[in-house]
Amino acid sequence: MITDFLLNKIINNVDEAITHIALGTGLEPSSSDTKLTGEEIRKVADSYIDQNTVIKELYLDENEGNGIQFTNLGLFGEGATSEVDTGVLMSGGRMDLLKGSKQSMTISVEITIERA
């Protein structure tokens, strides 16, 4: 049994631990990876908590990431900055996105934490 207090503490700790989002052109990250292959863009993540879900977002304006076929995504913390290869990869996944010019977009990642 996990109390509401502990569940909320875990959610807040996850939110605080993940500070940056990166997009890349490499393979989907594995559980042993600490970096994102082919990393192209990294920014400070906007962050929200909706009940038991941590939401991290990355905004790309009309001039960012144009013409790049993004194939992976990573969430970073532990000393991460906006520089490539800083900090530690905390979570990641596969994506398939080609961003065109004159297009802005927000990429959202949701991490839901529940009792088993």
PDB file of N, CA and C in Angstrom:
ATOM      1  N   MET A   1       0.840  -1.181   0.000  1.00  0.00           N
ATOM      2  CA  MET A   1       0.000   0.000   0.000  1.00  0.00           C
ATOM      3  C   MET A   1       0.885   1.244   0.000  1.00  0.00           C
ATOM      4  N   ILE A   2       0.568   2.166  -0.866  1.00  0.00           N
ATOM      5  CA  ILE A   2       1.245   3.461  -0.919  1.00  0.00           C
ATOM      6  C   ILE A   2       0.217   4.523  -0.559  1.00  0.00           C
ATOM      7  N   THR A   3       0.564   5.387   0.383  1.00  0.00           N
ATOM      8  CA  THR A   3      -0.347   6.454   0.783  1.00  0.00           C
ATOM      9  C   THR A   3      -0.401   7.544  -0.285  1.00  0.00           C
ATOM     10  N   ASP A   4      -1.434   8.373  -0.205  1.00  0.00           N
ATOM     11  CA  ASP A   4      -1.541   9.511  -1.120  1.00  0.00           C
ATOM     12  C   ASP A   4      -0.328  10.426  -0.980  1.00  0.00           C
ATOM     13  N   PHE A   5       0.145  10.593   0.243  1.00  0.00           N
ATOM     14  CA  PHE A   5       1.309  11.456   0.479  1.00  0.00           C
ATOM     15  C   PHE A   5       2.524  10.964  -0.298  1.00  0.00           C
ATOM     16  N   LEU A   6       2.828   9.672  -0.197  1.00  0.00           N
ATOM     17  CA  LEU A   6       3.984   9.125  -0.896  1.00  0.00           C
ATOM     18  C   LEU A   6       3.792   9.177  -2.405  1.00  0.00           C
ATOM     19  N   LEU A   7       2.605   8.864  -2.886  1.00  0.00           N
ATOM     20  CA  LEU A   7       2.333   8.934  -4.318  1.00  0.00           C
ATOM     21  C   LEU A   7       2.587  10.347  -4.846  1.00  0.00           C
ATOM     22  N   ASN A   8       2.090  11.356  -4.132  1.00  0.00           N
ATOM     23  CA  ASN A   8       2.307  12.748  -4.549  1.00  0.00           C
ATOM     24  C   ASN A   8       3.780  13.127  -4.496  1.00  0.00           C
ATOM     25  N   LYS A   9       4.493  12.609  -3.509  1.00  0.00           N
ATOM     26  CA  LYS A   9       5.928  12.878  -3.402  1.00  0.00           C
ATOM     27  C   LYS A   9       6.681  12.273  -4.594  1.00  0.00           C
ATOM     28  N   ILE A  10       6.332  11.062  -4.985  1.00  0.00           N
ATOM     29  CA  ILE A  10       6.959  10.410  -6.140  1.00  0.00           C
ATOM     30  C   ILE A  10       6.679  11.214  -7.407  1.00  0.00           C
ATOM     31  N   ILE A  11       5.438  11.633  -7.594  1.00  0.00           N
ATOM     32  CA  ILE A  11       5.066  12.434  -8.768  1.00  0.00           C
ATOM     33  C   ILE A  11       5.878  13.722  -8.810  1.00  0.00           C
ATOM     34  N   ASN A  12       5.983  14.420  -7.683  1.00  0.00           N
ATOM     35  CA  ASN A  12       6.749  15.669  -7.638  1.00  0.00           C
ATOM     36  C   ASN A  12       8.239  15.427  -7.873  1.00  0.00           C
ATOM     37  N   ASN A  13       8.778  14.335  -7.356  1.00  0.00           N
ATOM     38  CA  ASN A  13      10.189  14.016  -7.570  1.00  0.00           C
ATOM     39  C   ASN A  13      10.472  13.732  -9.041  1.00  0.00           C
ATOM     40  N   VAL A  14       9.570  13.010  -9.721  1.00  0.00           N
ATOM     41  CA  VAL A  14       9.737  12.754 -11.153  1.00  0.00           C
ATOM     42  C   VAL A  14       9.702  14.079 -11.916  1.00  0.00           C
ATOM     43  N   ASP A  15       8.761  14.940 -11.565  1.00  0.00           N
ATOM     44  CA  ASP A  15       8.649  16.237 -12.226  1.00  0.00           C
ATOM     45  C   ASP A  15       9.933  17.047 -12.066  1.00  0.00           C
ATOM     46  N   GLU A  16      10.486  17.082 -10.872  1.00  0.00           N
ATOM     47  CA  GLU A  16      11.704  17.850 -10.609  1.00  0.00           C
ATOM     48  C   GLU A  16      12.929  17.223 -11.266  1.00  0.00           C
ATOM     49  N   ALA A  17      12.961  15.902 -11.385  1.00  0.00           N
ATOM     50  CA  ALA A  17      14.139  15.200 -11.913  1.00  0.00           C
ATOM     51  C   ALA A  17      14.316  15.406 -13.414  1.00  0.00           C
ATOM     52  N   ILE A  18      13.230  15.555 -14.142  1.00  0.00           N
ATOM     53  CA  ILE A  18      13.293  15.688 -15.605  1.00  0.00           C
ATOM     54  C   ILE A  18      13.212  17.168 -15.957  1.00  0.00           C
ATOM     55  N   THR A  19      14.291  17.684 -16.540  1.00  0.00           N
ATOM     56  CA  THR A  19      14.373  19.122 -16.792  1.00  0.00           C
ATOM     57  C   THR A  19      14.404  19.497 -18.278  1.00  0.00           C
ATOM     58  N   HIS A  20      14.809  18.573 -19.141  1.00  0.00           N
ATOM     59  CA  HIS A  20      14.999  18.884 -20.561  1.00  0.00           C
ATOM     60  C   HIS A  20      14.413  17.801 -21.457  1.00  0.00           C
ATOM     61  N   ILE A  21      14.004  18.212 -22.651  1.00  0.00           N
ATOM     62  CA  ILE A  21      13.556  17.281 -23.691  1.00  0.00           C
ATOM     63  C   ILE A  21      14.488  17.433 -24.886  1.00  0.00           C
ATOM     64  N   ALA A  22      14.847  16.289 -25.486  1.00  0.00           N
ATOM     65  CA  ALA A  22      15.685  16.299 -26.685  1.00  0.00           C
ATOM     66  C   ALA A  22      15.018  15.479 -27.782  1.00  0.00           C
ATOM     67  N   LEU A  23      15.255  15.887 -29.027  1.00  0.00           N
ATOM     68  CA  LEU A  23      14.789  15.161 -30.200  1.00  0.00           C
ATOM     69  C   LEU A  23      16.008  14.771 -31.024  1.00  0.00           C
ATOM     70  N   GLY A  24      15.967  13.561 -31.584  1.00  0.00           N
ATOM     71  CA  GLY A  24      17.109  13.098 -32.351  1.00  0.00           C
ATOM     72  C   GLY A  24      16.713  12.312 -33.584  1.00  0.00           C
ATOM     73  N   THR A  25      17.737  11.831 -34.280  1.00  0.00           N
ATOM     74  CA  THR A  25      17.548  11.110 -35.535  1.00  0.00           C
ATOM     75  C   THR A  25      18.088   9.685 -35.450  1.00  0.00           C
ATOM     76  N   GLY A  26      18.310   9.194 -34.241  1.00  0.00           N
ATOM     77  CA  GLY A  26      18.870   7.856 -34.065  1.00  0.00           C
ATOM     78  C   GLY A  26      17.818   6.822 -33.732  1.00  0.00           C
ATOM     79  N   LEU A  27      18.304   5.717 -33.168  1.00  0.00           N
ATOM     80  CA  LEU A  27      17.441   4.608 -32.775  1.00  0.00           C
ATOM     81  C   LEU A  27      16.691   4.919 -31.491  1.00  0.00           C
ATOM     82  N   GLU A  28      15.620   4.179 -31.264  1.00  0.00           N
ATOM     83  CA  GLU A  28      14.874   4.294 -30.016  1.00  0.00           C
ATOM     84  C   GLU A  28      15.800   3.966 -28.855  1.00  0.00           C
ATOM     85  N   PRO A  29      15.804   4.777 -27.793  1.00  0.00           N
ATOM     86  CA  PRO A  29      16.683   4.497 -26.661  1.00  0.00           C
ATOM     87  C   PRO A  29      16.306   3.190 -25.962  1.00  0.00           C
ATOM     88  N   SER A  30      17.313   2.532 -25.398  1.00  0.00           N
ATOM     89  CA  SER A  30      17.071   1.329 -24.601  1.00  0.00           C
ATOM     90  C   SER A  30      17.198   1.687 -23.123  1.00  0.00           C
ATOM     91  N   SER A  31      16.824   0.775 -22.260  1.00  0.00           N
ATOM     92  CA  SER A  31      16.828   1.051 -20.826  1.00  0.00           C
ATOM     93  C   SER A  31      18.237   1.260 -20.267  1.00  0.00           C
ATOM     94  N   SER A  32      19.279   0.831 -20.977  1.00  0.00           N
ATOM     95  CA  SER A  32      20.648   1.019 -20.490  1.00  0.00           C
ATOM     96  C   SER A  32      21.316   2.278 -21.057  1.00  0.00           C
ATOM     97  N   ASP A  33      20.659   2.976 -21.972  1.00  0.00           N
ATOM     98  CA  ASP A  33      21.253   4.179 -22.571  1.00  0.00           C
ATOM     99  C   ASP A  33      21.272   5.343 -21.591  1.00  0.00           C
ATOM    100  N   THR A  34      22.296   6.183 -21.709  1.00  0.00           N
ATOM    101  CA  THR A  34      22.380   7.406 -20.918  1.00  0.00           C
ATOM    102  C   THR A  34      22.362   8.646 -21.810  1.00  0.00           C
ATOM    103  N   LYS A  35      22.497   8.455 -23.116  1.00  0.00           N
ATOM    104  CA  LYS A  35      22.482   9.537 -24.102  1.00  0.00           C
ATOM    105  C   LYS A  35      21.459   9.202 -25.183  1.00  0.00           C
ATOM    106  N   LEU A  36      21.114  10.188 -25.987  1.00  0.00           N
ATOM    107  CA  LEU A  36      20.189  10.012 -27.100  1.00  0.00           C
ATOM    108  C   LEU A  36      20.992  10.048 -28.396  1.00  0.00           C
ATOM    109  N   THR A  37      20.934   8.980 -29.180  1.00  0.00           N
ATOM    110  CA  THR A  37      21.715   8.949 -30.416  1.00  0.00           C
ATOM    111  C   THR A  37      21.132   9.913 -31.441  1.00  0.00           C
ATOM    112  N   GLY A  38      22.021  10.587 -32.131  1.00  0.00           N
ATOM    113  CA  GLY A  38      21.605  11.514 -33.175  1.00  0.00           C
ATOM    114  C   GLY A  38      20.893  12.744 -32.658  1.00  0.00           C
ATOM    115  N   GLU A  39      21.187  13.144 -31.425  1.00  0.00           N
ATOM    116  CA  GLU A  39      20.475  14.278 -30.832  1.00  0.00           C
ATOM    117  C   GLU A  39      20.660  15.538 -31.670  1.00  0.00           C
ATOM    118  N   GLU A  40      19.552  16.203 -31.989  1.00  0.00           N
ATOM    119  CA  GLU A  40      19.560  17.397 -32.829  1.00  0.00           C
ATOM    120  C   GLU A  40      19.117  18.653 -32.075  1.00  0.00           C
ATOM    121  N   ILE A  41      18.108  18.513 -31.228  1.00  0.00           N
ATOM    122  CA  ILE A  41      17.530  19.657 -30.515  1.00  0.00           C
ATOM    123  C   ILE A  41      17.327  19.279 -29.056  1.00  0.00           C
ATOM    124  N   ARG A  42      17.669  20.198 -28.173  1.00  0.00           N
ATOM    125  CA  ARG A  42      17.405  20.005 -26.744  1.00  0.00           C
ATOM    126  C   ARG A  42      17.007  21.346 -26.143  1.00  0.00           C
ATOM    127  N   LYS A  43      15.962  21.315 -25.325  1.00  0.00           N
ATOM    128  CA  LYS A  43      15.469  22.536 -24.688  1.00  0.00           C
ATOM    129  C   LYS A  43      14.984  22.217 -23.274  1.00  0.00           C
ATOM    130  N   VAL A  44      14.890  23.271 -22.467  1.00  0.00           N
ATOM    131  CA  VAL A  44      14.264  23.143 -21.157  1.00  0.00           C
ATOM    132  C   VAL A  44      12.809  22.764 -21.377  1.00  0.00           C
ATOM    133  N   ALA A  45      12.339  21.782 -20.624  1.00  0.00           N
ATOM    134  CA  ALA A  45      10.961  21.305 -20.770  1.00  0.00           C
ATOM    135  C   ALA A  45      10.006  22.180 -19.975  1.00  0.00           C
ATOM    136  N   ASP A  46       8.895  22.539 -20.600  1.00  0.00           N
ATOM    137  CA  ASP A  46       7.792  23.103 -19.837  1.00  0.00           C
ATOM    138  C   ASP A  46       7.190  21.943 -19.062  1.00  0.00           C
ATOM    139  N   SER A  47       6.636  22.229 -17.892  1.00  0.00           N
ATOM    140  CA  SER A  47       6.227  21.141 -17.019  1.00  0.00           C
ATOM    141  C   SER A  47       4.889  21.428 -16.353  1.00  0.00           C
ATOM    142  N   TYR A  48       4.065  20.376 -16.286  1.00  0.00           N
ATOM    143  CA  TYR A  48       2.757  20.464 -15.639  1.00  0.00           C
ATOM    144  C   TYR A  48       2.483  19.152 -14.916  1.00  0.00           C
ATOM    145  N   ILE A  49       1.687  19.233 -13.878  1.00  0.00           N
ATOM    146  CA  ILE A  49       1.205  18.026 -13.204  1.00  0.00           C
ATOM    147  C   ILE A  49      -0.312  18.060 -13.254  1.00  0.00           C
ATOM    148  N   ASP A  50      -0.899  16.981 -13.751  1.00  0.00           N
ATOM    149  CA  ASP A  50      -2.349  16.826 -13.799  1.00  0.00           C
ATOM    150  C   ASP A  50      -2.695  15.558 -13.041  1.00  0.00           C
ATOM    151  N   GLN A  51      -3.068  15.712 -11.802  1.00  0.00           N
ATOM    152  CA  GLN A  51      -3.353  14.601 -10.887  1.00  0.00           C
ATOM    153  C   GLN A  51      -2.127  13.702 -10.774  1.00  0.00           C
ATOM    154  N   ASN A  52      -2.155  12.497 -11.325  1.00  0.00           N
ATOM    155  CA  ASN A  52      -1.004  11.595 -11.191  1.00  0.00           C
ATOM    156  C   ASN A  52      -0.196  11.497 -12.486  1.00  0.00           C
ATOM    157  N   THR A  53      -0.299  12.520 -13.331  1.00  0.00           N
ATOM    158  CA  THR A  53       0.429  12.535 -14.593  1.00  0.00           C
ATOM    159  C   THR A  53       1.360  13.745 -14.654  1.00  0.00           C
ATOM    160  N   VAL A  54       2.636  13.470 -14.925  1.00  0.00           N
ATOM    161  CA  VAL A  54       3.626  14.519 -15.157  1.00  0.00           C
ATOM    162  C   VAL A  54       3.665  14.752 -16.663  1.00  0.00           C
ATOM    163  N   ILE A  55       3.496  15.997 -17.074  1.00  0.00           N
ATOM    164  CA  ILE A  55       3.479  16.354 -18.497  1.00  0.00           C
ATOM    165  C   ILE A  55       4.682  17.242 -18.764  1.00  0.00           C
ATOM    166  N   LYS A  56       5.503  16.825 -19.728  1.00  0.00           N
ATOM    167  CA  LYS A  56       6.676  17.598 -20.149  1.00  0.00           C
ATOM    168  C   LYS A  56       6.460  17.992 -21.604  1.00  0.00           C
ATOM    169  N   GLU A  57       6.715  19.283 -21.917  1.00  0.00           N
ATOM    170  CA  GLU A  57       6.461  19.754 -23.268  1.00  0.00           C
ATOM    171  C   GLU A  57       7.667  20.502 -23.847  1.00  0.00           C
ATOM    172  N   LEU A  58       7.791  20.375 -25.163  1.00  0.00           N
ATOM    173  CA  LEU A  58       8.828  21.050 -25.931  1.00  0.00           C
ATOM    174  C   LEU A  58       8.140  21.819 -27.048  1.00  0.00           C
ATOM    175  N   TYR A  59       8.417  23.112 -27.145  1.00  0.00           N
ATOM    176  CA  TYR A  59       7.839  23.941 -28.199  1.00  0.00           C
ATOM    177  C   TYR A  59       8.904  24.244 -29.247  1.00  0.00           C
ATOM    178  N   LEU A  60       8.560  24.029 -30.496  1.00  0.00           N
ATOM    179  CA  LEU A  60       9.421  24.390 -31.623  1.00  0.00           C
ATOM    180  C   LEU A  60       8.716  25.469 -32.431  1.00  0.00           C
ATOM    181  N   ASP A  61       9.408  26.598 -32.636  1.00  0.00           N
ATOM    182  CA  ASP A  61       8.795  27.654 -33.445  1.00  0.00           C
ATOM    183  C   ASP A  61       9.024  27.386 -34.933  1.00  0.00           C
ATOM    184  N   GLU A  62       8.608  28.318 -35.763  1.00  0.00           N
ATOM    185  CA  GLU A  62       8.647  28.146 -37.219  1.00  0.00           C
ATOM    186  C   GLU A  62      10.061  27.973 -37.766  1.00  0.00           C
ATOM    187  N   ASN A  63      11.068  28.384 -37.003  1.00  0.00           N
ATOM    188  CA  ASN A  63      12.452  28.355 -37.484  1.00  0.00           C
ATOM    189  C   ASN A  63      13.284  27.215 -36.901  1.00  0.00           C
ATOM    190  N   GLU A  64      12.714  26.382 -36.066  1.00  0.00           N
ATOM    191  CA  GLU A  64      13.473  25.334 -35.387  1.00  0.00           C
ATOM    192  C   GLU A  64      13.143  23.948 -35.940  1.00  0.00           C
ATOM    193  N   GLY A  65      14.170  23.165 -36.210  1.00  0.00           N
ATOM    194  CA  GLY A  65      14.001  21.761 -36.570  1.00  0.00           C
ATOM    195  C   GLY A  65      13.430  21.498 -37.947  1.00  0.00           C
ATOM    196  N   ASN A  66      13.453  22.493 -38.803  1.00  0.00           N
ATOM    197  CA  ASN A  66      12.856  22.331 -40.129  1.00  0.00           C
ATOM    198  C   ASN A  66      13.644  21.340 -40.984  1.00  0.00           C
ATOM    199  N   GLY A  67      12.913  20.456 -41.653  1.00  0.00           N
ATOM    200  CA  GLY A  67      13.514  19.502 -42.563  1.00  0.00           C
ATOM    201  C   GLY A  67      14.214  18.322 -41.907  1.00  0.00           C
ATOM    202  N   ILE A  68      14.103  18.185 -40.606  1.00  0.00           N
ATOM    203  CA  ILE A  68      14.747  17.073 -39.898  1.00  0.00           C
ATOM    204  C   ILE A  68      13.711  15.969 -39.659  1.00  0.00           C
ATOM    205  N   GLN A  69      14.065  14.746 -39.977  1.00  0.00           N
ATOM    206  CA  GLN A  69      13.204  13.582 -39.699  1.00  0.00           C
ATOM    207  C   GLN A  69      13.563  13.075 -38.307  1.00  0.00           C
ATOM    208  N   PHE A  70      12.789  13.485 -37.309  1.00  0.00           N
ATOM    209  CA  PHE A  70      13.041  13.069 -35.926  1.00  0.00           C
ATOM    210  C   PHE A  70      12.533  11.645 -35.728  1.00  0.00           C
ATOM    211  N   THR A  71      13.364  10.805 -35.139  1.00  0.00           N
ATOM    212  CA  THR A  71      13.008   9.398 -34.932  1.00  0.00           C
ATOM    213  C   THR A  71      13.094   8.958 -33.479  1.00  0.00           C
ATOM    214  N   ASN A  72      13.625   9.816 -32.606  1.00  0.00           N
ATOM    215  CA  ASN A  72      13.666   9.459 -31.190  1.00  0.00           C
ATOM    216  C   ASN A  72      13.530  10.702 -30.326  1.00  0.00           C
ATOM    217  N   LEU A  73      13.216  10.466 -29.074  1.00  0.00           N
ATOM    218  CA  LEU A  73      12.966  11.529 -28.118  1.00  0.00           C
ATOM    219  C   LEU A  73      13.538  11.095 -26.785  1.00  0.00           C
ATOM    220  N   GLY A  74      14.077  12.038 -26.021  1.00  0.00           N
ATOM    221  CA  GLY A  74      14.598  11.711 -24.701  1.00  0.00           C
ATOM    222  C   GLY A  74      14.262  12.773 -23.679  1.00  0.00           C
ATOM    223  N   LEU A  75      14.058  12.333 -22.454  1.00  0.00           N
ATOM    224  CA  LEU A  75      13.849  13.221 -21.312  1.00  0.00           C
ATOM    225  C   LEU A  75      15.102  13.146 -20.455  1.00  0.00           C
ATOM    226  N   PHE A  76      15.651  14.307 -20.088  1.00  0.00           N
ATOM    227  CA  PHE A  76      16.937  14.364 -19.401  1.00  0.00           C
ATOM    228  C   PHE A  76      16.856  15.093 -18.069  1.00  0.00           C
ATOM    229  N   GLY A  77      17.773  14.744 -17.187  1.00  0.00           N
ATOM    230  CA  GLY A  77      17.944  15.408 -15.898  1.00  0.00           C
ATOM    231  C   GLY A  77      19.365  15.177 -15.405  1.00  0.00           C
ATOM    232  N   GLU A  78      19.551  15.268 -14.092  1.00  0.00           N
ATOM    233  CA  GLU A  78      20.856  15.011 -13.461  1.00  0.00           C
ATOM    234  C   GLU A  78      21.975  15.814 -14.121  1.00  0.00           C
ATOM    235  N   GLY A  79      21.865  17.139 -14.052  1.00  0.00           N
ATOM    236  CA  GLY A  79      22.896  17.996 -14.617  1.00  0.00           C
ATOM    237  C   GLY A  79      22.699  18.355 -16.073  1.00  0.00           C
ATOM    238  N   ALA A  80      21.548  18.035 -16.630  1.00  0.00           N
ATOM    239  CA  ALA A  80      21.280  18.365 -18.030  1.00  0.00           C
ATOM    240  C   ALA A  80      21.215  19.881 -18.215  1.00  0.00           C
ATOM    241  N   THR A  81      21.727  20.321 -19.357  1.00  0.00           N
ATOM    242  CA  THR A  81      21.580  21.709 -19.786  1.00  0.00           C
ATOM    243  C   THR A  81      21.020  21.673 -21.206  1.00  0.00           C
ATOM    244  N   SER A  82      20.963  22.817 -21.844  1.00  0.00           N
ATOM    245  CA  SER A  82      20.484  22.860 -23.220  1.00  0.00           C
ATOM    246  C   SER A  82      21.539  22.398 -24.217  1.00  0.00           C
ATOM    247  N   GLU A  83      22.715  22.026 -23.731  1.00  0.00           N
ATOM    248  CA  GLU A  83      23.785  21.508 -24.582  1.00  0.00           C
ATOM    249  C   GLU A  83      23.623  20.000 -24.784  1.00  0.00           C
ATOM    250  N   VAL A  84      23.867  19.536 -26.003  1.00  0.00           N
ATOM    251  CA  VAL A  84      23.814  18.104 -26.326  1.00  0.00           C
ATOM    252  C   VAL A  84      24.796  17.334 -25.440  1.00  0.00           C
ATOM    253  N   ASP A  85      24.415  16.109 -25.068  1.00  0.00           N
ATOM    254  CA  ASP A  85      25.257  15.195 -24.283  1.00  0.00           C
ATOM    255  C   ASP A  85      25.543  15.666 -22.866  1.00  0.00           C
ATOM    256  N   THR A  86      24.654  16.478 -22.291  1.00  0.00           N
ATOM    257  CA  THR A  86      24.789  16.816 -20.871  1.00  0.00           C
ATOM    258  C   THR A  86      23.697  16.097 -20.099  1.00  0.00           C
ATOM    259  N   GLY A  87      23.973  15.823 -18.846  1.00  0.00           N
ATOM    260  CA  GLY A  87      22.997  15.151 -18.003  1.00  0.00           C
ATOM    261  C   GLY A  87      22.831  13.692 -18.358  1.00  0.00           C
ATOM    262  N   VAL A  88      21.753  13.118 -17.846  1.00  0.00           N
ATOM    263  CA  VAL A  88      21.487  11.687 -17.997  1.00  0.00           C
ATOM    264  C   VAL A  88      20.103  11.489 -18.610  1.00  0.00           C
ATOM    265  N   LEU A  89      20.028  10.577 -19.572  1.00  0.00           N
ATOM    266  CA  LEU A  89      18.752  10.191 -20.167  1.00  0.00           C
ATOM    267  C   LEU A  89      17.908   9.475 -19.118  1.00  0.00           C
ATOM    268  N   MET A  90      16.732   9.995 -18.831  1.00  0.00           N
ATOM    269  CA  MET A  90      15.837   9.417 -17.821  1.00  0.00           C
ATOM    270  C   MET A  90      14.758   8.535 -18.442  1.00  0.00           C
ATOM    271  N   SER A  91      14.319   8.909 -19.632  1.00  0.00           N
ATOM    272  CA  SER A  91      13.259   8.185 -20.320  1.00  0.00           C
ATOM    273  C   SER A  91      13.337   8.559 -21.794  1.00  0.00           C
ATOM    274  N   GLY A  92      12.799   7.701 -22.636  1.00  0.00           N
ATOM    275  CA  GLY A  92      12.836   8.031 -24.045  1.00  0.00           C
ATOM    276  C   GLY A  92      11.947   7.114 -24.847  1.00  0.00           C
ATOM    277  N   GLY A  93      11.883   7.391 -26.113  1.00  0.00           N
ATOM    278  CA  GLY A  93      11.048   6.573 -26.969  1.00  0.00           C
ATOM    279  C   GLY A  93      11.264   6.880 -28.429  1.00  0.00           C
ATOM    280  N   ARG A  94      10.505   6.179 -29.234  1.00  0.00           N
ATOM    281  CA  ARG A  94      10.557   6.327 -30.684  1.00  0.00           C
ATOM    282  C   ARG A  94       9.520   7.347 -31.119  1.00  0.00           C
ATOM    283  N   MET A  95       9.827   8.070 -32.170  1.00  0.00           N
ATOM    284  CA  MET A  95       8.859   8.975 -32.768  1.00  0.00           C
ATOM    285  C   MET A  95       9.122   9.021 -34.265  1.00  0.00           C
ATOM    286  N   ASP A  96       8.184   9.542 -35.013  1.00  0.00           N
ATOM    287  CA  ASP A  96       8.347   9.692 -36.449  1.00  0.00           C
ATOM    288  C   ASP A  96       7.735  11.035 -36.820  1.00  0.00           C
ATOM    289  N   LEU A  97       8.593  12.035 -36.993  1.00  0.00           N
ATOM    290  CA  LEU A  97       8.107  13.395 -37.208  1.00  0.00           C
ATOM    291  C   LEU A  97       9.032  14.127 -38.170  1.00  0.00           C
ATOM    292  N   LEU A  98       8.471  14.678 -39.213  1.00  0.00           N
ATOM    293  CA  LEU A  98       9.188  15.567 -40.117  1.00  0.00           C
ATOM    294  C   LEU A  98       8.532  16.927 -39.993  1.00  0.00           C
ATOM    295  N   LYS A  99       9.279  17.896 -39.445  1.00  0.00           N
ATOM    296  CA  LYS A  99       8.723  19.229 -39.238  1.00  0.00           C
ATOM    297  C   LYS A  99       9.066  20.108 -40.432  1.00  0.00           C
ATOM    298  N   GLY A 100       8.057  20.744 -40.964  1.00  0.00           N
ATOM    299  CA  GLY A 100       8.253  21.634 -42.098  1.00  0.00           C
ATOM    300  C   GLY A 100       8.430  23.074 -41.666  1.00  0.00           C
ATOM    301  N   SER A 101       8.866  23.903 -42.588  1.00  0.00           N
ATOM    302  CA  SER A 101       8.986  25.332 -42.312  1.00  0.00           C
ATOM    303  C   SER A 101       7.592  25.937 -42.235  1.00  0.00           C
ATOM    304  N   LYS A 102       7.519  27.104 -41.655  1.00  0.00           N
ATOM    305  CA  LYS A 102       6.248  27.806 -41.450  1.00  0.00           C
ATOM    306  C   LYS A 102       5.295  27.007 -40.577  1.00  0.00           C
ATOM    307  N   GLN A 103       5.870  26.165 -39.728  1.00  0.00           N
ATOM    308  CA  GLN A 103       5.076  25.294 -38.867  1.00  0.00           C
ATOM    309  C   GLN A 103       5.655  25.382 -37.459  1.00  0.00           C
ATOM    310  N   SER A 104       4.813  25.628 -36.483  1.00  0.00           N
ATOM    311  CA  SER A 104       5.250  25.536 -35.092  1.00  0.00           C
ATOM    312  C   SER A 104       4.531  24.344 -34.480  1.00  0.00           C
ATOM    313  N   MET A 105       5.107  23.789 -33.426  1.00  0.00           N
ATOM    314  CA  MET A 105       4.463  22.642 -32.786  1.00  0.00           C
ATOM    315  C   MET A 105       4.922  22.488 -31.350  1.00  0.00           C
ATOM    316  N   THR A 106       4.062  21.841 -30.586  1.00  0.00           N
ATOM    317  CA  THR A 106       4.378  21.471 -29.216  1.00  0.00           C
ATOM    318  C   THR A 106       4.344  19.960 -29.123  1.00  0.00           C
ATOM    319  N   ILE A 107       5.410  19.393 -28.580  1.00  0.00           N
ATOM    320  CA  ILE A 107       5.502  17.946 -28.374  1.00  0.00           C
ATOM    321  C   ILE A 107       5.315  17.692 -26.897  1.00  0.00           C
ATOM    322  N   SER A 108       4.331  16.868 -26.556  1.00  0.00           N
ATOM    323  CA  SER A 108       4.018  16.545 -25.167  1.00  0.00           C
ATOM    324  C   SER A 108       4.351  15.097 -24.857  1.00  0.00           C
ATOM    325  N   VAL A 109       4.927  14.907 -23.670  1.00  0.00           N
ATOM    326  CA  VAL A 109       5.205  13.568 -23.154  1.00  0.00           C
ATOM    327  C   VAL A 109       4.509  13.471 -21.802  1.00  0.00           C
ATOM    328  N   GLU A 110       3.702  12.425 -21.632  1.00  0.00           N
ATOM    329  CA  GLU A 110       2.985  12.232 -20.374  1.00  0.00           C
ATOM    330  C   GLU A 110       3.527  11.002 -19.658  1.00  0.00           C
ATOM    331  N   ILE A 111       3.825  11.173 -18.378  1.00  0.00           N
ATOM    332  CA  ILE A 111       4.288  10.082 -17.530  1.00  0.00           C
ATOM    333  C   ILE A 111       3.255   9.922 -16.416  1.00  0.00           C
ATOM    334  N   THR A 112       2.508   8.825 -16.470  1.00  0.00           N
ATOM    335  CA  THR A 112       1.483   8.582 -15.472  1.00  0.00           C
ATOM    336  C   THR A 112       2.013   7.623 -14.413  1.00  0.00           C
ATOM    337  N   ILE A 113       1.851   8.004 -13.171  1.00  0.00           N
ATOM    338  CA  ILE A 113       2.338   7.212 -12.043  1.00  0.00           C
ATOM    339  C   ILE A 113       1.125   6.729 -11.261  1.00  0.00           C
ATOM    340  N   GLU A 114       0.978   5.400 -11.182  1.00  0.00           N
ATOM    341  CA  GLU A 114      -0.198   4.820 -10.527  1.00  0.00           C
ATOM    342  C   GLU A 114       0.205   3.747  -9.540  1.00  0.00           C
ATOM    343  N   ARG A 115      -0.699   3.486  -8.653  1.00  0.00           N
ATOM    344  CA  ARG A 115      -0.521   2.338  -7.767  1.00  0.00           C
ATOM    345  C   ARG A 115      -0.768   1.066  -8.565  1.00  0.00           C
ATOM    346  N   ALA A 116      -0.004   0.029  -8.276  1.00  0.00           N
ATOM    347  CA  ALA A 116      -0.207  -1.249  -8.982  1.00  0.00           C
ATOM    348  C   ALA A 116      -1.385  -1.998  -8.430  1.00  0.00           C
TER     349      ALA A 116
END
